[in-house]
N, C-alpha and C. Protein backbone atom coordinates (compact mmCIF):
# COMPACT_ATOMS: atom_id res chain seq x y z
N MET A 1 111.14 155.84 72.40
CA MET A 1 111.06 156.34 73.75
C MET A 1 110.73 155.19 74.71
N ASN A 2 111.34 155.19 75.85
CA ASN A 2 111.17 154.11 76.80
C ASN A 2 109.85 154.26 77.57
N LYS A 3 109.06 153.21 77.59
CA LYS A 3 107.80 153.23 78.34
C LYS A 3 108.07 153.13 79.83
N TYR A 4 107.18 153.71 80.60
CA TYR A 4 107.28 153.63 82.06
C TYR A 4 106.98 152.21 82.49
N ASN A 5 107.84 151.65 83.28
CA ASN A 5 107.65 150.30 83.80
C ASN A 5 107.63 150.39 85.33
N PRO A 6 106.47 150.21 85.94
CA PRO A 6 106.38 150.34 87.40
C PRO A 6 107.23 149.32 88.15
N ASP A 7 107.53 148.17 87.54
CA ASP A 7 108.32 147.15 88.23
C ASP A 7 109.78 147.57 88.39
N ARG A 8 110.28 148.42 87.48
CA ARG A 8 111.65 148.90 87.63
C ARG A 8 111.75 149.80 88.84
N MET A 9 110.69 150.47 89.15
CA MET A 9 110.68 151.40 90.28
C MET A 9 110.35 150.68 91.59
N ASN A 10 109.73 149.53 91.52
CA ASN A 10 109.25 148.84 92.72
C ASN A 10 109.79 147.41 92.75
N PRO A 11 110.98 147.20 93.29
CA PRO A 11 111.54 145.85 93.32
C PRO A 11 110.78 144.89 94.23
N SER A 12 109.88 145.41 95.06
CA SER A 12 109.12 144.52 95.94
C SER A 12 107.81 144.07 95.32
N SER A 13 107.55 144.41 94.07
CA SER A 13 106.30 144.01 93.43
C SER A 13 106.30 142.50 93.17
N LEU A 14 105.13 141.96 93.05
CA LEU A 14 104.97 140.54 92.78
C LEU A 14 105.73 140.14 91.52
N ARG A 15 105.59 140.94 90.47
CA ARG A 15 106.24 140.63 89.20
C ARG A 15 107.76 140.61 89.36
N SER A 16 108.31 141.56 90.06
CA SER A 16 109.77 141.61 90.27
C SER A 16 110.25 140.43 91.10
N ARG A 17 109.53 140.14 92.17
CA ARG A 17 109.92 138.99 93.01
C ARG A 17 109.86 137.69 92.22
N PHE A 18 108.78 137.51 91.45
CA PHE A 18 108.65 136.29 90.66
C PHE A 18 109.75 136.20 89.61
N THR A 19 110.00 137.28 88.89
CA THR A 19 111.00 137.27 87.83
C THR A 19 112.37 136.91 88.38
N THR A 20 112.75 137.52 89.49
CA THR A 20 114.05 137.24 90.10
C THR A 20 114.18 135.78 90.47
N ARG A 21 113.18 135.25 91.15
CA ARG A 21 113.23 133.84 91.57
C ARG A 21 113.19 132.89 90.38
N PHE A 22 112.34 133.20 89.41
CA PHE A 22 112.20 132.30 88.26
C PHE A 22 113.49 132.27 87.44
N LEU A 23 114.09 133.43 87.18
CA LEU A 23 115.35 133.45 86.43
C LEU A 23 116.46 132.72 87.18
N ARG A 24 116.49 132.85 88.50
CA ARG A 24 117.47 132.13 89.31
C ARG A 24 117.26 130.61 89.16
N ASN A 25 115.99 130.17 89.23
CA ASN A 25 115.70 128.74 89.08
C ASN A 25 116.00 128.24 87.68
N LEU A 26 115.71 129.06 86.67
CA LEU A 26 116.03 128.66 85.29
C LEU A 26 117.54 128.50 85.10
N SER A 27 118.32 129.39 85.70
CA SER A 27 119.77 129.27 85.57
C SER A 27 120.27 128.00 86.25
N LYS A 28 119.64 127.61 87.37
CA LYS A 28 120.01 126.35 88.03
C LYS A 28 119.68 125.16 87.14
N ILE A 29 118.52 125.21 86.50
CA ILE A 29 118.13 124.12 85.58
C ILE A 29 119.12 124.05 84.43
N HIS A 30 119.48 125.21 83.89
CA HIS A 30 120.41 125.27 82.76
C HIS A 30 121.80 124.76 83.15
N ALA A 31 122.20 124.97 84.39
CA ALA A 31 123.52 124.55 84.86
C ALA A 31 123.61 123.05 85.08
N GLN A 32 122.46 122.39 85.23
CA GLN A 32 122.48 120.94 85.42
C GLN A 32 122.99 120.27 84.16
N LYS A 33 123.52 119.07 84.32
CA LYS A 33 124.07 118.34 83.19
C LYS A 33 122.99 118.15 82.13
N PRO A 34 123.15 118.80 80.98
CA PRO A 34 122.12 118.67 79.94
C PRO A 34 122.19 117.32 79.24
N SER A 35 121.06 116.85 78.86
CA SER A 35 120.99 115.62 78.10
C SER A 35 120.94 115.98 76.62
N SER A 36 121.68 115.26 75.82
CA SER A 36 121.70 115.56 74.39
C SER A 36 120.49 114.96 73.68
N SER A 37 119.72 114.19 74.40
CA SER A 37 118.57 113.53 73.82
C SER A 37 117.41 114.50 73.64
N SER A 38 116.71 114.34 72.54
CA SER A 38 115.49 115.12 72.30
C SER A 38 114.28 114.19 72.29
N SER A 39 114.38 113.13 73.05
CA SER A 39 113.29 112.17 73.11
C SER A 39 112.08 112.82 73.79
N PRO A 40 110.90 112.31 73.51
CA PRO A 40 109.71 112.86 74.18
C PRO A 40 109.81 112.80 75.70
N ALA A 41 110.42 111.76 76.23
CA ALA A 41 110.56 111.64 77.69
C ALA A 41 111.46 112.75 78.23
N GLU A 42 112.57 113.05 77.53
CA GLU A 42 113.48 114.11 77.98
C GLU A 42 112.82 115.48 77.85
N ILE A 43 112.08 115.70 76.80
CA ILE A 43 111.36 116.98 76.63
C ILE A 43 110.35 117.15 77.75
N PHE A 44 109.64 116.07 78.10
CA PHE A 44 108.67 116.13 79.19
C PHE A 44 109.37 116.42 80.52
N ARG A 45 110.55 115.82 80.77
CA ARG A 45 111.29 116.09 82.01
C ARG A 45 111.69 117.56 82.09
N ARG A 46 112.15 118.13 80.97
CA ARG A 46 112.52 119.55 80.97
C ARG A 46 111.30 120.42 81.21
N TYR A 47 110.18 120.07 80.58
CA TYR A 47 108.93 120.80 80.78
C TYR A 47 108.52 120.78 82.25
N ARG A 48 108.59 119.62 82.88
CA ARG A 48 108.22 119.49 84.29
C ARG A 48 109.14 120.33 85.19
N ARG A 49 110.45 120.33 84.90
CA ARG A 49 111.38 121.11 85.71
C ARG A 49 111.06 122.60 85.60
N ILE A 50 110.75 123.07 84.41
CA ILE A 50 110.42 124.48 84.22
C ILE A 50 109.10 124.81 84.89
N LYS A 51 108.11 123.93 84.78
CA LYS A 51 106.81 124.17 85.41
C LYS A 51 106.95 124.22 86.93
N VAL A 52 107.70 123.29 87.49
CA VAL A 52 107.91 123.29 88.94
C VAL A 52 108.66 124.56 89.35
N ALA A 53 109.64 124.98 88.56
CA ALA A 53 110.38 126.21 88.87
C ALA A 53 109.45 127.42 88.85
N ALA A 54 108.55 127.48 87.88
CA ALA A 54 107.59 128.59 87.79
C ALA A 54 106.62 128.57 88.97
N ASP A 55 106.08 127.40 89.28
CA ASP A 55 105.13 127.29 90.40
C ASP A 55 105.80 127.64 91.73
N LYS A 56 107.00 127.10 91.94
CA LYS A 56 107.72 127.35 93.18
C LYS A 56 108.08 128.84 93.29
N SER A 57 108.52 129.43 92.20
CA SER A 57 108.88 130.85 92.21
C SER A 57 107.68 131.71 92.55
N MET A 58 106.52 131.38 91.98
CA MET A 58 105.33 132.18 92.25
C MET A 58 104.88 132.00 93.70
N ALA A 59 104.87 130.78 94.17
CA ALA A 59 104.43 130.53 95.55
C ALA A 59 105.36 131.21 96.56
N TYR A 60 106.66 131.16 96.33
CA TYR A 60 107.59 131.84 97.24
C TYR A 60 107.47 133.35 97.12
N SER A 61 107.15 133.85 95.92
CA SER A 61 107.01 135.29 95.72
C SER A 61 105.81 135.85 96.49
N VAL A 62 104.75 135.05 96.57
CA VAL A 62 103.56 135.45 97.31
C VAL A 62 103.80 135.30 98.80
N ARG A 63 104.75 134.46 99.14
CA ARG A 63 105.08 134.12 100.52
C ARG A 63 103.96 133.27 101.09
N SER A 64 103.86 133.17 102.37
CA SER A 64 102.85 132.28 102.94
C SER A 64 101.59 133.03 103.34
N ARG A 65 101.37 134.19 102.74
CA ARG A 65 100.17 134.96 103.08
C ARG A 65 98.90 134.37 102.48
N ARG A 66 99.01 133.55 101.49
CA ARG A 66 97.85 133.00 100.81
C ARG A 66 97.76 131.50 101.02
N THR A 67 96.52 131.03 101.15
CA THR A 67 96.29 129.60 101.32
C THR A 67 96.79 128.82 100.12
N TRP A 68 96.54 129.33 98.92
CA TRP A 68 96.94 128.60 97.72
C TRP A 68 98.46 128.48 97.64
N SER A 69 99.21 129.51 98.07
CA SER A 69 100.67 129.42 97.98
C SER A 69 101.22 128.42 99.01
N ARG A 70 100.63 128.41 100.21
CA ARG A 70 101.05 127.41 101.21
C ARG A 70 100.75 126.00 100.71
N ALA A 71 99.57 125.81 100.11
CA ALA A 71 99.21 124.48 99.60
C ALA A 71 100.12 124.06 98.46
N MET A 72 100.46 125.01 97.60
CA MET A 72 101.33 124.68 96.46
C MET A 72 102.73 124.32 96.94
N LEU A 73 103.25 125.08 97.90
CA LEU A 73 104.58 124.77 98.43
C LEU A 73 104.59 123.41 99.11
N TRP A 74 103.53 123.10 99.88
CA TRP A 74 103.44 121.79 100.52
C TRP A 74 103.40 120.69 99.47
N LYS A 75 102.63 120.91 98.43
CA LYS A 75 102.50 119.91 97.36
C LYS A 75 103.85 119.70 96.66
N LEU A 76 104.59 120.78 96.42
CA LEU A 76 105.89 120.66 95.77
C LEU A 76 106.90 119.95 96.67
N ARG A 77 106.82 120.18 97.97
CA ARG A 77 107.75 119.52 98.89
C ARG A 77 107.46 118.04 99.04
N THR A 78 106.20 117.66 98.96
CA THR A 78 105.83 116.27 99.23
C THR A 78 105.54 115.47 97.97
N ARG A 79 105.77 116.05 96.80
CA ARG A 79 105.46 115.34 95.56
C ARG A 79 106.43 114.17 95.37
N PRO A 80 105.94 113.11 94.76
CA PRO A 80 106.82 111.97 94.50
C PRO A 80 107.85 112.33 93.44
N CYS A 81 109.00 111.72 93.52
CA CYS A 81 110.07 112.01 92.55
C CYS A 81 109.73 111.46 91.18
N SER A 82 109.01 110.37 91.12
CA SER A 82 108.70 109.73 89.86
C SER A 82 107.31 110.14 89.39
N THR A 83 107.20 110.46 88.10
CA THR A 83 105.91 110.82 87.56
C THR A 83 105.05 109.59 87.26
N SER A 84 105.68 108.40 87.28
CA SER A 84 104.91 107.20 87.00
C SER A 84 103.97 106.83 88.14
N ILE A 85 104.23 107.37 89.34
CA ILE A 85 103.40 107.06 90.50
C ILE A 85 102.08 107.82 90.46
N ARG A 86 102.06 108.95 89.80
CA ARG A 86 100.89 109.82 89.81
C ARG A 86 99.68 109.15 89.18
N LYS A 87 98.52 109.56 89.68
CA LYS A 87 97.27 109.02 89.15
C LYS A 87 96.98 109.63 87.78
N THR A 88 96.29 108.88 86.98
CA THR A 88 95.88 109.43 85.70
C THR A 88 94.68 110.33 85.91
N ARG A 89 94.41 111.16 84.92
CA ARG A 89 93.28 112.09 85.02
C ARG A 89 91.96 111.31 85.17
N HIS A 90 91.87 110.19 84.48
CA HIS A 90 90.65 109.38 84.55
C HIS A 90 90.41 108.87 85.97
N GLU A 91 91.47 108.40 86.63
CA GLU A 91 91.32 107.92 88.00
C GLU A 91 90.88 109.04 88.93
N LYS A 92 91.44 110.25 88.75
CA LYS A 92 91.05 111.40 89.58
C LYS A 92 89.59 111.75 89.36
N GLN A 93 89.14 111.72 88.09
CA GLN A 93 87.76 112.06 87.80
C GLN A 93 86.80 111.07 88.46
N ASN A 94 87.12 109.80 88.40
CA ASN A 94 86.25 108.80 89.03
C ASN A 94 86.21 108.99 90.54
N LYS A 95 87.33 109.30 91.17
CA LYS A 95 87.37 109.54 92.60
C LYS A 95 86.52 110.77 92.96
N ASN A 96 86.64 111.83 92.17
CA ASN A 96 85.92 113.06 92.44
C ASN A 96 84.42 112.90 92.24
N ARG A 97 84.01 112.05 91.32
CA ARG A 97 82.58 111.83 91.11
C ARG A 97 81.93 111.27 92.36
N THR A 98 82.61 110.32 93.00
CA THR A 98 82.01 109.74 94.21
C THR A 98 82.05 110.74 95.36
N THR A 99 83.11 111.52 95.46
CA THR A 99 83.21 112.53 96.53
C THR A 99 82.16 113.61 96.33
N THR A 100 82.01 114.09 95.10
CA THR A 100 81.06 115.15 94.81
C THR A 100 79.63 114.69 95.04
N ALA A 101 79.36 113.43 94.75
CA ALA A 101 77.99 112.93 94.92
C ALA A 101 77.59 112.93 96.39
N THR A 102 78.54 112.73 97.27
CA THR A 102 78.18 112.69 98.69
C THR A 102 78.25 114.06 99.35
N THR A 103 79.26 114.87 99.01
CA THR A 103 79.42 116.15 99.70
C THR A 103 78.94 117.33 98.88
N GLY A 104 79.05 117.28 97.58
CA GLY A 104 78.73 118.43 96.74
C GLY A 104 77.25 118.78 96.73
N GLU A 105 76.39 117.79 96.87
CA GLU A 105 74.95 118.06 96.83
C GLU A 105 74.45 118.71 98.12
N ASP A 106 75.23 118.57 99.19
CA ASP A 106 74.82 119.16 100.46
C ASP A 106 75.07 120.66 100.52
N ARG A 107 75.92 121.17 99.63
CA ARG A 107 76.26 122.59 99.66
C ARG A 107 75.17 123.40 98.98
N VAL A 108 74.97 124.60 99.50
CA VAL A 108 73.95 125.50 98.98
C VAL A 108 74.60 126.45 97.98
N GLY A 109 73.87 126.81 96.93
CA GLY A 109 74.36 127.83 96.01
C GLY A 109 75.11 127.26 94.83
N PHE A 110 76.42 127.43 94.84
CA PHE A 110 77.24 127.10 93.69
C PHE A 110 77.80 125.69 93.74
N GLY A 111 77.09 124.75 94.26
CA GLY A 111 77.55 123.38 94.50
C GLY A 111 78.58 122.83 93.54
N VAL A 112 78.18 122.47 92.34
CA VAL A 112 79.07 121.81 91.39
C VAL A 112 80.18 122.76 90.94
N GLU A 113 79.83 124.01 90.65
CA GLU A 113 80.82 124.97 90.19
C GLU A 113 81.89 125.23 91.26
N ALA A 114 81.47 125.35 92.50
CA ALA A 114 82.42 125.58 93.59
C ALA A 114 83.33 124.37 93.77
N ASP A 115 82.78 123.17 93.63
CA ASP A 115 83.59 121.97 93.75
C ASP A 115 84.63 121.90 92.64
N GLU A 116 84.24 122.29 91.43
CA GLU A 116 85.19 122.31 90.32
C GLU A 116 86.28 123.34 90.57
N LEU A 117 85.91 124.48 91.11
CA LEU A 117 86.87 125.53 91.44
C LEU A 117 87.82 125.07 92.54
N ARG A 118 87.30 124.35 93.51
CA ARG A 118 88.13 123.83 94.60
C ARG A 118 89.21 122.90 94.07
N GLU A 119 88.92 122.18 92.99
CA GLU A 119 89.92 121.29 92.40
C GLU A 119 91.01 122.06 91.68
N LEU A 120 90.69 123.25 91.18
CA LEU A 120 91.65 124.03 90.39
C LEU A 120 92.59 124.87 91.25
N VAL A 121 92.10 125.39 92.36
CA VAL A 121 92.90 126.27 93.21
C VAL A 121 93.61 125.42 94.26
N PRO A 122 94.94 125.51 94.33
CA PRO A 122 95.66 124.74 95.36
C PRO A 122 95.15 125.08 96.75
N GLY A 123 94.83 124.06 97.53
CA GLY A 123 94.33 124.25 98.88
C GLY A 123 92.85 124.59 98.94
N GLY A 124 92.18 124.62 97.79
CA GLY A 124 90.78 125.02 97.73
C GLY A 124 89.82 124.03 98.36
N GLU A 125 90.24 122.80 98.54
CA GLU A 125 89.35 121.77 99.08
C GLU A 125 88.85 122.12 100.47
N ALA A 126 89.65 122.85 101.23
CA ALA A 126 89.30 123.12 102.62
C ALA A 126 88.70 124.51 102.84
N MET A 127 88.39 125.24 101.76
CA MET A 127 87.92 126.62 101.90
C MET A 127 86.40 126.73 101.79
N ASP A 128 85.85 127.68 102.52
CA ASP A 128 84.45 128.01 102.31
C ASP A 128 84.34 128.85 101.03
N LEU A 129 83.13 129.07 100.56
CA LEU A 129 82.92 129.71 99.26
C LEU A 129 83.51 131.12 99.21
N CYS A 130 83.33 131.91 100.24
CA CYS A 130 83.83 133.29 100.24
C CYS A 130 85.36 133.32 100.14
N ASN A 131 86.03 132.54 100.95
CA ASN A 131 87.49 132.47 100.89
C ASN A 131 87.96 131.88 99.58
N LEU A 132 87.24 130.89 99.08
CA LEU A 132 87.59 130.27 97.81
C LEU A 132 87.58 131.31 96.68
N LEU A 133 86.55 132.13 96.63
CA LEU A 133 86.47 133.14 95.58
C LEU A 133 87.59 134.18 95.73
N HIS A 134 87.88 134.57 96.96
CA HIS A 134 88.94 135.53 97.21
C HIS A 134 90.30 134.96 96.79
N GLU A 135 90.58 133.74 97.19
CA GLU A 135 91.84 133.09 96.83
C GLU A 135 91.93 132.85 95.32
N THR A 136 90.81 132.52 94.70
CA THR A 136 90.80 132.29 93.25
C THR A 136 91.17 133.57 92.51
N ALA A 137 90.62 134.70 92.94
CA ALA A 137 90.93 135.97 92.29
C ALA A 137 92.42 136.26 92.39
N HIS A 138 93.01 136.04 93.55
CA HIS A 138 94.44 136.28 93.72
C HIS A 138 95.26 135.29 92.91
N TYR A 139 94.85 134.04 92.90
CA TYR A 139 95.56 133.01 92.14
C TYR A 139 95.55 133.33 90.65
N ILE A 140 94.42 133.80 90.13
CA ILE A 140 94.34 134.18 88.72
C ILE A 140 95.27 135.36 88.44
N LYS A 141 95.31 136.33 89.34
CA LYS A 141 96.21 137.47 89.18
C LYS A 141 97.66 136.99 89.11
N CYS A 142 98.02 136.06 89.97
CA CYS A 142 99.38 135.54 89.99
C CYS A 142 99.69 134.73 88.74
N LEU A 143 98.76 133.92 88.29
CA LEU A 143 98.97 133.15 87.07
C LEU A 143 99.13 134.08 85.87
N THR A 144 98.35 135.15 85.83
CA THR A 144 98.47 136.13 84.75
C THR A 144 99.86 136.77 84.77
N THR A 145 100.32 137.13 85.95
CA THR A 145 101.67 137.69 86.08
C THR A 145 102.71 136.69 85.62
N GLN A 146 102.54 135.45 86.01
CA GLN A 146 103.47 134.40 85.63
C GLN A 146 103.54 134.27 84.10
N VAL A 147 102.41 134.26 83.45
CA VAL A 147 102.36 134.14 81.99
C VAL A 147 103.02 135.35 81.33
N GLN A 148 102.73 136.54 81.82
CA GLN A 148 103.32 137.75 81.25
C GLN A 148 104.84 137.73 81.35
N VAL A 149 105.36 137.36 82.51
CA VAL A 149 106.81 137.33 82.69
C VAL A 149 107.43 136.26 81.80
N MET A 150 106.83 135.08 81.76
CA MET A 150 107.39 134.01 80.95
C MET A 150 107.35 134.37 79.47
N LYS A 151 106.31 135.07 79.04
CA LYS A 151 106.21 135.50 77.64
C LYS A 151 107.30 136.52 77.33
N LYS A 152 107.56 137.44 78.24
CA LYS A 152 108.62 138.44 78.02
C LYS A 152 109.99 137.77 77.96
N ILE A 153 110.21 136.79 78.81
CA ILE A 153 111.48 136.06 78.78
C ILE A 153 111.63 135.34 77.45
N ALA A 154 110.57 134.66 77.01
CA ALA A 154 110.62 133.94 75.73
C ALA A 154 110.83 134.92 74.58
N ASP A 155 110.15 136.06 74.60
CA ASP A 155 110.33 137.06 73.53
C ASP A 155 111.76 137.59 73.52
N PHE A 156 112.34 137.78 74.70
CA PHE A 156 113.69 138.30 74.80
C PHE A 156 114.70 137.34 74.18
N TYR A 157 114.50 136.05 74.42
CA TYR A 157 115.47 135.04 73.93
C TYR A 157 115.13 134.50 72.54
N SER A 158 113.98 134.88 71.98
CA SER A 158 113.63 134.42 70.64
C SER A 158 114.39 135.24 69.61
N PRO A 159 114.80 134.57 68.52
CA PRO A 159 115.52 135.31 67.47
C PRO A 159 114.64 136.28 66.72
């Protein structure tokens, strides 16, 4: 017996919007000239293309109503084409240690935890704690939806 699926009845739901955009982006990736190489570099390039497609699909699905989606879209538009330009995680951590030491101690309440959360949520650097928590809750909901949809797609195409 077929289970009730609310997304079939509601094409304007977040899950439906994301799925439509993500599948469209995946088909564009698939249509690009495939490389026959299975080198680690080529696998990483494919992984990055799929990750960018998923992030872009989710941010566009949310539209510009959320700070995190606007920040993510801006980041995707302004990102460098080459991954070799990006900073390593170690360099980012060292930069954040000096920033946190000067600004993080001045905050009341959730100082270090809030600063760590600000690093995880796109656009979180400029938010106060209340907005940060609200945006984080929505961002987690969207990431959960993203994972569920991607898992269903993978299950569908798995033998």
